[in-house]
Amino acid sequence: MLNAGIAGSLTHRWVEAYVHLRERFQPDLVLAVFFLRDGTELEKATAPIVAAEKRRIAEDPLARISVAYRYHLERRAAIDIGGKLERFFVDSYVGSPEDTAEWARAQTNLMTLRRIAAADGARFGIAVFPLLYGLESDPYPFEPIMQALERFCAANGIPHLSLLPAFRGR
């Protein structure tokens, strides 16, 4: 068994890694562990959202002199950032074509991995790892993403396992 995971990478790197390693290891099973951030361009979204909130706090005259008020603003900003990121994640899978561009690339890359693995005689499957946020919520805030992944796998005959039930309520 070889864990060839590349932390924080997008799916095109998975294809590169598999192509590089496949002859050396000749796997009989290729399991892609798909984290919900893997179909997004998270880095492009996070920086502007956080920067805008920091700028808003820095420009508030009362926040410059009151630690308590600044703390209040920072707590509110954290909630606002969370809401914006939640929306960003969902839109990355079920939004406009522009919003879903990375998810479209991820689908292509997953299909490429499946095709190469099959050519090598290896089985291919996907384990879907949820975002560890909102696990106590019903419905789970990222349920539309889980459904999009389910549809993709089902439509393409890819065995898959959602790890969401193992994390629910934790």
N, C-alpha and C. Protein backbone atom coordinates (compact mmCIF):
# COMPACT_ATOMS: atom_id res chain seq x y z
N MET A 1 0.84 -1.16 0.00
CA MET A 1 0.00 0.00 0.00
C MET A 1 0.90 1.24 0.00
N LEU A 2 0.50 2.21 -0.81
CA LEU A 2 1.23 3.47 -0.90
C LEU A 2 0.23 4.61 -0.76
N ASN A 3 0.48 5.51 0.16
CA ASN A 3 -0.31 6.72 0.28
C ASN A 3 0.42 7.78 -0.52
N ALA A 4 -0.12 8.12 -1.68
CA ALA A 4 0.52 9.11 -2.55
C ALA A 4 -0.19 10.45 -2.46
N GLY A 5 -0.90 10.68 -1.36
CA GLY A 5 -1.62 11.93 -1.18
C GLY A 5 -0.68 13.12 -1.17
N ILE A 6 -1.16 14.22 -1.73
CA ILE A 6 -0.39 15.46 -1.80
C ILE A 6 -1.24 16.52 -1.10
N ALA A 7 -0.87 16.86 0.12
CA ALA A 7 -1.67 17.78 0.93
C ALA A 7 -1.93 19.10 0.19
N GLY A 8 -3.19 19.51 0.21
CA GLY A 8 -3.56 20.79 -0.35
C GLY A 8 -3.51 20.87 -1.86
N SER A 9 -3.37 19.74 -2.54
CA SER A 9 -3.23 19.78 -3.99
C SER A 9 -4.59 19.68 -4.68
N LEU A 10 -4.61 20.10 -5.91
CA LEU A 10 -5.79 19.92 -6.74
C LEU A 10 -5.60 18.64 -7.57
N THR A 11 -6.66 18.20 -8.20
CA THR A 11 -6.67 16.87 -8.83
C THR A 11 -5.69 16.71 -9.99
N HIS A 12 -5.29 17.77 -10.64
CA HIS A 12 -4.32 17.61 -11.74
C HIS A 12 -3.00 17.06 -11.20
N ARG A 13 -2.67 17.41 -9.96
CA ARG A 13 -1.45 16.87 -9.34
C ARG A 13 -1.59 15.39 -9.05
N TRP A 14 -2.80 14.92 -8.79
CA TRP A 14 -3.03 13.49 -8.55
C TRP A 14 -2.72 12.69 -9.80
N VAL A 15 -3.16 13.22 -10.94
CA VAL A 15 -2.89 12.54 -12.21
C VAL A 15 -1.38 12.48 -12.44
N GLU A 16 -0.70 13.60 -12.23
CA GLU A 16 0.76 13.63 -12.41
C GLU A 16 1.45 12.62 -11.49
N ALA A 17 1.03 12.56 -10.24
CA ALA A 17 1.63 11.63 -9.29
C ALA A 17 1.39 10.18 -9.70
N TYR A 18 0.17 9.88 -10.11
CA TYR A 18 -0.13 8.50 -10.51
C TYR A 18 0.68 8.08 -11.73
N VAL A 19 0.74 8.95 -12.72
CA VAL A 19 1.51 8.64 -13.92
C VAL A 19 2.98 8.39 -13.57
N HIS A 20 3.49 9.18 -12.66
CA HIS A 20 4.89 9.04 -12.24
C HIS A 20 5.14 7.74 -11.46
N LEU A 21 4.17 7.35 -10.64
CA LEU A 21 4.37 6.22 -9.72
C LEU A 21 3.84 4.88 -10.21
N ARG A 22 2.98 4.86 -11.19
CA ARG A 22 2.24 3.65 -11.54
C ARG A 22 3.12 2.49 -11.97
N GLU A 23 4.15 2.74 -12.74
CA GLU A 23 4.99 1.63 -13.19
C GLU A 23 5.81 1.05 -12.05
N ARG A 24 6.25 1.90 -11.15
CA ARG A 24 7.06 1.44 -10.02
C ARG A 24 6.24 0.59 -9.05
N PHE A 25 4.97 0.94 -8.83
CA PHE A 25 4.18 0.27 -7.81
C PHE A 25 3.11 -0.67 -8.36
N GLN A 26 2.73 -0.53 -9.59
CA GLN A 26 1.73 -1.38 -10.25
C GLN A 26 0.54 -1.69 -9.33
N PRO A 27 -0.24 -0.67 -8.99
CA PRO A 27 -1.35 -0.88 -8.05
C PRO A 27 -2.47 -1.73 -8.63
N ASP A 28 -3.19 -2.41 -7.75
CA ASP A 28 -4.39 -3.12 -8.18
C ASP A 28 -5.64 -2.35 -7.77
N LEU A 29 -5.44 -1.31 -6.94
CA LEU A 29 -6.54 -0.44 -6.54
C LEU A 29 -6.00 0.98 -6.42
N VAL A 30 -6.73 1.92 -7.00
CA VAL A 30 -6.43 3.34 -6.86
C VAL A 30 -7.65 3.97 -6.19
N LEU A 31 -7.43 4.49 -4.99
CA LEU A 31 -8.50 5.11 -4.22
C LEU A 31 -8.18 6.60 -4.08
N ALA A 32 -9.01 7.42 -4.69
CA ALA A 32 -8.85 8.87 -4.58
C ALA A 32 -9.66 9.33 -3.37
N VAL A 33 -8.99 9.96 -2.42
CA VAL A 33 -9.68 10.54 -1.27
C VAL A 33 -9.96 11.99 -1.63
N PHE A 34 -11.21 12.25 -1.90
CA PHE A 34 -11.62 13.56 -2.40
C PHE A 34 -12.17 14.40 -1.25
N PHE A 35 -11.38 15.41 -0.84
CA PHE A 35 -11.84 16.36 0.16
C PHE A 35 -12.70 17.40 -0.58
N LEU A 36 -13.71 17.92 0.07
CA LEU A 36 -14.61 18.84 -0.62
C LEU A 36 -13.90 20.09 -1.13
N ARG A 37 -12.75 20.45 -0.56
CA ARG A 37 -12.02 21.61 -1.07
C ARG A 37 -11.33 21.28 -2.40
N ASP A 38 -11.23 19.99 -2.76
CA ASP A 38 -10.49 19.59 -3.96
C ASP A 38 -11.15 20.02 -5.26
N GLY A 39 -12.41 20.36 -5.24
CA GLY A 39 -13.09 20.83 -6.44
C GLY A 39 -13.28 22.33 -6.44
N THR A 40 -12.45 23.03 -5.67
CA THR A 40 -12.58 24.49 -5.55
C THR A 40 -11.24 25.18 -5.78
N GLU A 41 -11.32 26.46 -6.01
CA GLU A 41 -10.12 27.30 -6.06
C GLU A 41 -10.08 28.11 -4.77
N LEU A 42 -9.99 27.39 -3.66
CA LEU A 42 -10.10 27.99 -2.33
C LEU A 42 -9.11 29.12 -2.11
N GLU A 43 -7.88 28.95 -2.55
CA GLU A 43 -6.86 29.98 -2.32
C GLU A 43 -7.26 31.31 -2.95
N LYS A 44 -7.91 31.26 -4.11
CA LYS A 44 -8.32 32.49 -4.78
C LYS A 44 -9.44 33.19 -4.04
N ALA A 45 -10.26 32.44 -3.32
CA ALA A 45 -11.40 33.03 -2.62
C ALA A 45 -11.06 33.52 -1.23
N THR A 46 -10.24 32.77 -0.52
CA THR A 46 -9.98 33.07 0.89
C THR A 46 -9.31 34.41 1.10
N ALA A 47 -8.25 34.66 0.38
CA ALA A 47 -7.47 35.89 0.60
C ALA A 47 -8.31 37.15 0.47
N PRO A 48 -9.10 37.33 -0.59
CA PRO A 48 -9.88 38.56 -0.70
C PRO A 48 -10.95 38.70 0.39
N ILE A 49 -11.56 37.61 0.78
CA ILE A 49 -12.60 37.66 1.81
C ILE A 49 -12.00 38.09 3.14
N VAL A 50 -10.91 37.45 3.52
CA VAL A 50 -10.25 37.77 4.79
C VAL A 50 -9.69 39.19 4.75
N ALA A 51 -9.06 39.57 3.64
CA ALA A 51 -8.48 40.91 3.53
C ALA A 51 -9.55 41.99 3.68
N ALA A 52 -10.71 41.78 3.09
CA ALA A 52 -11.79 42.77 3.18
C ALA A 52 -12.25 42.93 4.63
N GLU A 53 -12.38 41.82 5.35
CA GLU A 53 -12.80 41.90 6.76
C GLU A 53 -11.73 42.58 7.61
N LYS A 54 -10.46 42.25 7.38
CA LYS A 54 -9.37 42.89 8.15
C LYS A 54 -9.34 44.39 7.87
N ARG A 55 -9.52 44.76 6.62
CA ARG A 55 -9.51 46.18 6.24
C ARG A 55 -10.67 46.92 6.92
N ARG A 56 -11.83 46.28 6.93
CA ARG A 56 -13.01 46.90 7.55
C ARG A 56 -12.75 47.16 9.03
N ILE A 57 -12.14 46.21 9.72
CA ILE A 57 -11.85 46.37 11.15
C ILE A 57 -10.76 47.43 11.35
N ALA A 58 -9.73 47.39 10.54
CA ALA A 58 -8.62 48.35 10.68
C ALA A 58 -9.08 49.78 10.45
N GLU A 59 -10.09 49.97 9.60
CA GLU A 59 -10.56 51.32 9.28
C GLU A 59 -11.60 51.84 10.26
N ASP A 60 -12.04 51.00 11.16
CA ASP A 60 -13.05 51.42 12.14
C ASP A 60 -12.35 52.20 13.26
N PRO A 61 -12.67 53.48 13.44
CA PRO A 61 -11.97 54.29 14.44
C PRO A 61 -12.14 53.77 15.87
N LEU A 62 -13.30 53.26 16.21
CA LEU A 62 -13.54 52.75 17.56
C LEU A 62 -12.72 51.48 17.82
N ALA A 63 -12.50 50.67 16.79
CA ALA A 63 -11.71 49.44 16.94
C ALA A 63 -10.26 49.75 17.27
N ARG A 64 -9.81 50.94 16.89
CA ARG A 64 -8.42 51.33 17.18
C ARG A 64 -8.20 51.65 18.66
N ILE A 65 -9.29 52.02 19.35
CA ILE A 65 -9.10 52.42 20.74
C ILE A 65 -9.76 51.48 21.75
N SER A 66 -10.65 50.63 21.32
CA SER A 66 -11.35 49.74 22.24
C SER A 66 -11.05 48.28 21.92
N VAL A 67 -10.37 47.63 22.83
CA VAL A 67 -10.04 46.22 22.65
C VAL A 67 -11.32 45.38 22.63
N ALA A 68 -12.25 45.71 23.50
CA ALA A 68 -13.51 44.96 23.58
C ALA A 68 -14.29 45.09 22.26
N TYR A 69 -14.37 46.30 21.74
CA TYR A 69 -15.09 46.52 20.48
C TYR A 69 -14.39 45.80 19.34
N ARG A 70 -13.07 45.89 19.32
CA ARG A 70 -12.30 45.20 18.26
C ARG A 70 -12.55 43.69 18.34
N TYR A 71 -12.55 43.15 19.55
CA TYR A 71 -12.82 41.72 19.74
C TYR A 71 -14.20 41.38 19.17
N HIS A 72 -15.19 42.22 19.49
CA HIS A 72 -16.55 42.01 18.97
C HIS A 72 -16.55 42.01 17.43
N LEU A 73 -15.87 42.98 16.83
CA LEU A 73 -15.80 43.03 15.37
C LEU A 73 -15.11 41.80 14.79
N GLU A 74 -14.05 41.35 15.43
CA GLU A 74 -13.32 40.18 14.94
C GLU A 74 -14.19 38.92 15.04
N ARG A 75 -14.97 38.78 16.11
CA ARG A 75 -15.87 37.63 16.25
C ARG A 75 -16.95 37.68 15.17
N ARG A 76 -17.49 38.87 14.95
CA ARG A 76 -18.50 39.02 13.88
C ARG A 76 -17.90 38.72 12.52
N ALA A 77 -16.66 39.18 12.30
CA ALA A 77 -15.98 38.93 11.03
C ALA A 77 -15.78 37.44 10.81
N ALA A 78 -15.43 36.72 11.86
CA ALA A 78 -15.24 35.28 11.74
C ALA A 78 -16.53 34.60 11.29
N ILE A 79 -17.65 35.03 11.84
CA ILE A 79 -18.95 34.48 11.45
C ILE A 79 -19.25 34.85 10.00
N ASP A 80 -19.01 36.11 9.64
CA ASP A 80 -19.25 36.55 8.26
C ASP A 80 -18.37 35.80 7.27
N ILE A 81 -17.11 35.61 7.61
CA ILE A 81 -16.18 34.87 6.73
C ILE A 81 -16.67 33.44 6.57
N GLY A 82 -17.10 32.84 7.68
CA GLY A 82 -17.61 31.47 7.61
C GLY A 82 -18.79 31.36 6.66
N GLY A 83 -19.71 32.30 6.75
CA GLY A 83 -20.87 32.29 5.86
C GLY A 83 -20.49 32.48 4.40
N LYS A 84 -19.55 33.39 4.16
CA LYS A 84 -19.10 33.62 2.77
C LYS A 84 -18.37 32.41 2.21
N LEU A 85 -17.55 31.77 3.04
CA LEU A 85 -16.85 30.57 2.57
C LEU A 85 -17.81 29.41 2.35
N GLU A 86 -18.81 29.31 3.20
CA GLU A 86 -19.82 28.26 3.02
C GLU A 86 -20.49 28.43 1.65
N ARG A 87 -20.88 29.67 1.34
CA ARG A 87 -21.51 29.96 0.04
C ARG A 87 -20.54 29.69 -1.11
N PHE A 88 -19.27 30.09 -0.91
CA PHE A 88 -18.25 29.85 -1.93
C PHE A 88 -18.13 28.36 -2.25
N PHE A 89 -18.06 27.54 -1.21
CA PHE A 89 -17.92 26.09 -1.43
C PHE A 89 -19.09 25.54 -2.22
N VAL A 90 -20.30 25.87 -1.80
CA VAL A 90 -21.47 25.34 -2.50
C VAL A 90 -21.50 25.84 -3.94
N ASP A 91 -21.26 27.13 -4.14
CA ASP A 91 -21.25 27.68 -5.51
C ASP A 91 -20.18 27.01 -6.37
N SER A 92 -19.08 26.59 -5.78
CA SER A 92 -18.00 25.95 -6.55
C SER A 92 -18.44 24.65 -7.19
N TYR A 93 -19.52 24.06 -6.70
CA TYR A 93 -20.01 22.80 -7.25
C TYR A 93 -21.34 22.93 -7.97
N VAL A 94 -22.16 23.87 -7.54
CA VAL A 94 -23.50 23.95 -8.14
C VAL A 94 -23.83 25.37 -8.63
N GLY A 95 -22.83 26.22 -8.74
CA GLY A 95 -23.05 27.60 -9.17
C GLY A 95 -22.94 27.75 -10.68
N SER A 96 -22.54 28.92 -11.09
CA SER A 96 -22.41 29.25 -12.50
C SER A 96 -21.24 28.47 -13.11
N PRO A 97 -21.17 28.41 -14.44
CA PRO A 97 -20.02 27.75 -15.08
C PRO A 97 -18.69 28.34 -14.64
N GLU A 98 -18.64 29.64 -14.41
CA GLU A 98 -17.40 30.28 -13.94
C GLU A 98 -17.07 29.79 -12.52
N ASP A 99 -18.09 29.72 -11.67
CA ASP A 99 -17.88 29.26 -10.29
C ASP A 99 -17.43 27.80 -10.24
N THR A 100 -17.94 26.99 -11.14
CA THR A 100 -17.70 25.54 -11.09
C THR A 100 -16.54 25.08 -11.98
N ALA A 101 -15.73 26.00 -12.45
CA ALA A 101 -14.64 25.65 -13.38
C ALA A 101 -13.68 24.63 -12.78
N GLU A 102 -13.30 24.80 -11.51
CA GLU A 102 -12.37 23.83 -10.90
C GLU A 102 -13.04 22.48 -10.70
N TRP A 103 -14.31 22.46 -10.36
CA TRP A 103 -15.03 21.19 -10.23
C TRP A 103 -15.08 20.48 -11.58
N ALA A 104 -15.28 21.23 -12.66
CA ALA A 104 -15.27 20.63 -14.00
C ALA A 104 -13.89 20.02 -14.30
N ARG A 105 -12.83 20.74 -13.95
CA ARG A 105 -11.48 20.19 -14.15
C ARG A 105 -11.26 18.96 -13.27
N ALA A 106 -11.76 19.01 -12.04
CA ALA A 106 -11.60 17.86 -11.14
C ALA A 106 -12.30 16.63 -11.71
N GLN A 107 -13.48 16.82 -12.28
CA GLN A 107 -14.20 15.69 -12.89
C GLN A 107 -13.38 15.08 -14.03
N THR A 108 -12.83 15.94 -14.87
CA THR A 108 -11.99 15.46 -15.97
C THR A 108 -10.79 14.70 -15.43
N ASN A 109 -10.15 15.23 -14.40
CA ASN A 109 -8.97 14.58 -13.83
C ASN A 109 -9.32 13.25 -13.17
N LEU A 110 -10.46 13.19 -12.50
CA LEU A 110 -10.89 11.93 -11.89
C LEU A 110 -11.17 10.88 -12.96
N MET A 111 -11.78 11.30 -14.04
CA MET A 111 -12.04 10.37 -15.15
C MET A 111 -10.72 9.91 -15.79
N THR A 112 -9.76 10.82 -15.88
CA THR A 112 -8.43 10.45 -16.41
C THR A 112 -7.76 9.43 -15.50
N LEU A 113 -7.82 9.66 -14.21
CA LEU A 113 -7.26 8.69 -13.26
C LEU A 113 -7.93 7.33 -13.42
N ARG A 114 -9.25 7.33 -13.52
CA ARG A 114 -9.97 6.07 -13.68
C ARG A 114 -9.55 5.36 -14.96
N ARG A 115 -9.44 6.12 -16.05
CA ARG A 115 -9.07 5.52 -17.34
C ARG A 115 -7.67 4.92 -17.28
N ILE A 116 -6.71 5.65 -16.72
CA ILE A 116 -5.33 5.15 -16.64
C ILE A 116 -5.26 3.94 -15.71
N ALA A 117 -5.94 4.03 -14.58
CA ALA A 117 -5.95 2.90 -13.64
C ALA A 117 -6.53 1.66 -14.30
N ALA A 118 -7.63 1.83 -15.04
CA ALA A 118 -8.25 0.69 -15.72
C ALA A 118 -7.30 0.10 -16.76
N ALA A 119 -6.59 0.97 -17.48
CA ALA A 119 -5.62 0.48 -18.47
C ALA A 119 -4.50 -0.31 -17.81
N ASP A 120 -4.21 0.03 -16.55
CA ASP A 120 -3.18 -0.69 -15.79
C ASP A 120 -3.73 -1.92 -15.09
N GLY A 121 -5.04 -2.18 -15.26
CA GLY A 121 -5.65 -3.32 -14.60
C GLY A 121 -6.03 -3.07 -13.16
N ALA A 122 -6.06 -1.81 -12.76
CA ALA A 122 -6.38 -1.46 -11.37
C ALA A 122 -7.83 -0.99 -11.27
N ARG A 123 -8.46 -1.30 -10.16
CA ARG A 123 -9.79 -0.77 -9.86
C ARG A 123 -9.63 0.66 -9.38
N PHE A 124 -10.69 1.44 -9.53
CA PHE A 124 -10.65 2.85 -9.14
C PHE A 124 -11.89 3.18 -8.33
N GLY A 125 -11.71 3.91 -7.25
CA GLY A 125 -12.83 4.35 -6.44
C GLY A 125 -12.51 5.68 -5.78
N ILE A 126 -13.55 6.27 -5.21
CA ILE A 126 -13.41 7.56 -4.56
C ILE A 126 -14.01 7.49 -3.16
N ALA A 127 -13.26 7.98 -2.18
CA ALA A 127 -13.77 8.19 -0.84
C ALA A 127 -13.96 9.69 -0.68
N VAL A 128 -15.14 10.11 -0.32
CA VAL A 128 -15.46 11.53 -0.21
C VAL A 128 -15.35 11.96 1.25
N PHE A 129 -14.42 12.86 1.52
CA PHE A 129 -14.14 13.35 2.86
C PHE A 129 -14.84 14.69 3.03
N PRO A 130 -15.77 14.81 3.96
CA PRO A 130 -16.52 16.07 4.10
C PRO A 130 -15.68 17.18 4.72
N LEU A 131 -16.16 18.40 4.56
CA LEU A 131 -15.58 19.51 5.30
C LEU A 131 -16.00 19.33 6.75
N LEU A 132 -15.07 19.51 7.64
CA LEU A 132 -15.35 19.29 9.06
C LEU A 132 -15.90 20.57 9.69
N TYR A 133 -17.01 20.98 9.17
CA TYR A 133 -17.69 22.19 9.60
C TYR A 133 -19.19 21.95 9.44
N GLY A 134 -19.96 22.33 10.42
CA GLY A 134 -21.41 22.18 10.31
C GLY A 134 -21.87 20.74 10.40
N LEU A 135 -21.05 19.88 10.97
CA LEU A 135 -21.39 18.46 11.04
C LEU A 135 -22.59 18.19 11.94
N GLU A 136 -22.89 19.13 12.84
CA GLU A 136 -24.03 18.97 13.73
C GLU A 136 -25.30 19.54 13.11
N SER A 137 -25.17 20.23 11.99
CA SER A 137 -26.32 20.86 11.34
C SER A 137 -27.13 19.85 10.55
N ASP A 138 -28.43 20.09 10.52
CA ASP A 138 -29.31 19.26 9.71
C ASP A 138 -30.23 20.19 8.92
N PRO A 139 -30.05 20.33 7.65
CA PRO A 139 -29.14 19.54 6.83
C PRO A 139 -27.70 20.04 6.94
N TYR A 140 -26.80 19.16 6.56
CA TYR A 140 -25.38 19.50 6.48
C TYR A 140 -25.22 20.63 5.47
N PRO A 141 -24.51 21.72 5.81
CA PRO A 141 -24.44 22.88 4.91
C PRO A 141 -23.87 22.56 3.52
N PHE A 142 -23.11 21.48 3.43
CA PHE A 142 -22.48 21.14 2.16
C PHE A 142 -23.14 19.94 1.49
N GLU A 143 -24.39 19.68 1.87
CA GLU A 143 -25.15 18.57 1.28
C GLU A 143 -25.24 18.70 -0.25
N PRO A 144 -25.43 19.92 -0.80
CA PRO A 144 -25.47 20.02 -2.27
C PRO A 144 -24.17 19.54 -2.92
N ILE A 145 -23.05 19.74 -2.25
CA ILE A 145 -21.77 19.27 -2.78
C ILE A 145 -21.72 17.75 -2.72
N MET A 146 -22.13 17.19 -1.60
CA MET A 146 -22.13 15.73 -1.46
C MET A 146 -23.03 15.11 -2.55
N GLN A 147 -24.15 15.74 -2.82
CA GLN A 147 -25.07 15.25 -3.85
C GLN A 147 -24.44 15.36 -5.24
N ALA A 148 -23.71 16.46 -5.50
CA ALA A 148 -23.05 16.62 -6.80
C ALA A 148 -22.00 15.53 -7.00
N LEU A 149 -21.24 15.24 -5.94
CA LEU A 149 -20.24 14.17 -6.04
C LEU A 149 -20.91 12.81 -6.24
N GLU A 150 -21.99 12.57 -5.53
CA GLU A 150 -22.75 11.32 -5.67
C GLU A 150 -23.24 11.16 -7.11
N ARG A 151 -23.82 12.23 -7.66
CA ARG A 151 -24.31 12.17 -9.05
C ARG A 151 -23.18 11.90 -10.02
N PHE A 152 -22.05 12.59 -9.85
CA PHE A 152 -20.91 12.38 -10.73
C PHE A 152 -20.46 10.92 -10.70
N CYS A 153 -20.26 10.40 -9.50
CA CYS A 153 -19.78 9.02 -9.38
C CYS A 153 -20.80 8.03 -9.95
N ALA A 154 -22.08 8.22 -9.62
CA ALA A 154 -23.11 7.31 -10.12
C ALA A 154 -23.21 7.36 -11.64
N ALA A 155 -23.16 8.57 -12.21
CA ALA A 155 -23.28 8.72 -13.66
C ALA A 155 -22.10 8.08 -14.40
N ASN A 156 -20.96 7.97 -13.73
CA ASN A 156 -19.76 7.44 -14.37
C ASN A 156 -19.37 6.05 -13.87
N GLY A 157 -20.26 5.44 -13.09
CA GLY A 157 -20.01 4.08 -12.62
C GLY A 157 -18.78 3.97 -11.73
N ILE A 158 -18.51 5.01 -10.95
CA ILE A 158 -17.34 5.01 -10.06
C ILE A 158 -17.78 4.62 -8.66
N PRO A 159 -17.24 3.52 -8.14
CA PRO A 159 -17.56 3.18 -6.75
C PRO A 159 -17.08 4.30 -5.82
N HIS A 160 -17.92 4.63 -4.85
CA HIS A 160 -17.57 5.74 -3.96
C HIS A 160 -18.16 5.49 -2.58
N LEU A 161 -17.55 6.14 -1.62
CA LEU A 161 -18.00 6.04 -0.24
C LEU A 161 -17.95 7.43 0.37
N SER A 162 -19.07 7.87 0.89
CA SER A 162 -19.11 9.14 1.61
C SER A 162 -18.71 8.87 3.06
N LEU A 163 -17.76 9.63 3.55
CA LEU A 163 -17.36 9.51 4.95
C LEU A 163 -18.17 10.41 5.86
N LEU A 164 -19.12 11.15 5.29
CA LEU A 164 -19.96 12.06 6.08
C LEU A 164 -20.67 11.34 7.22
N PRO A 165 -21.30 10.20 7.01
CA PRO A 165 -21.99 9.55 8.13
C PRO A 165 -21.07 9.26 9.33
N ALA A 166 -19.81 8.99 9.08
CA ALA A 166 -18.88 8.71 10.18
C ALA A 166 -18.56 9.96 10.99
N PHE A 167 -18.74 11.14 10.39
CA PHE A 167 -18.39 12.38 11.08
C PHE A 167 -19.61 13.16 11.59
N ARG A 168 -20.80 12.79 11.14
CA ARG A 168 -22.02 13.53 11.52
C ARG A 168 -22.11 13.66 13.03
N GLY A 169 -22.46 14.86 13.49
CA GLY A 169 -22.69 15.11 14.90
C GLY A 169 -21.41 15.23 15.74
N ARG A 170 -20.28 15.20 15.12
CA ARG A 170 -19.03 15.27 15.89
C ARG A 170 -18.39 16.64 15.76
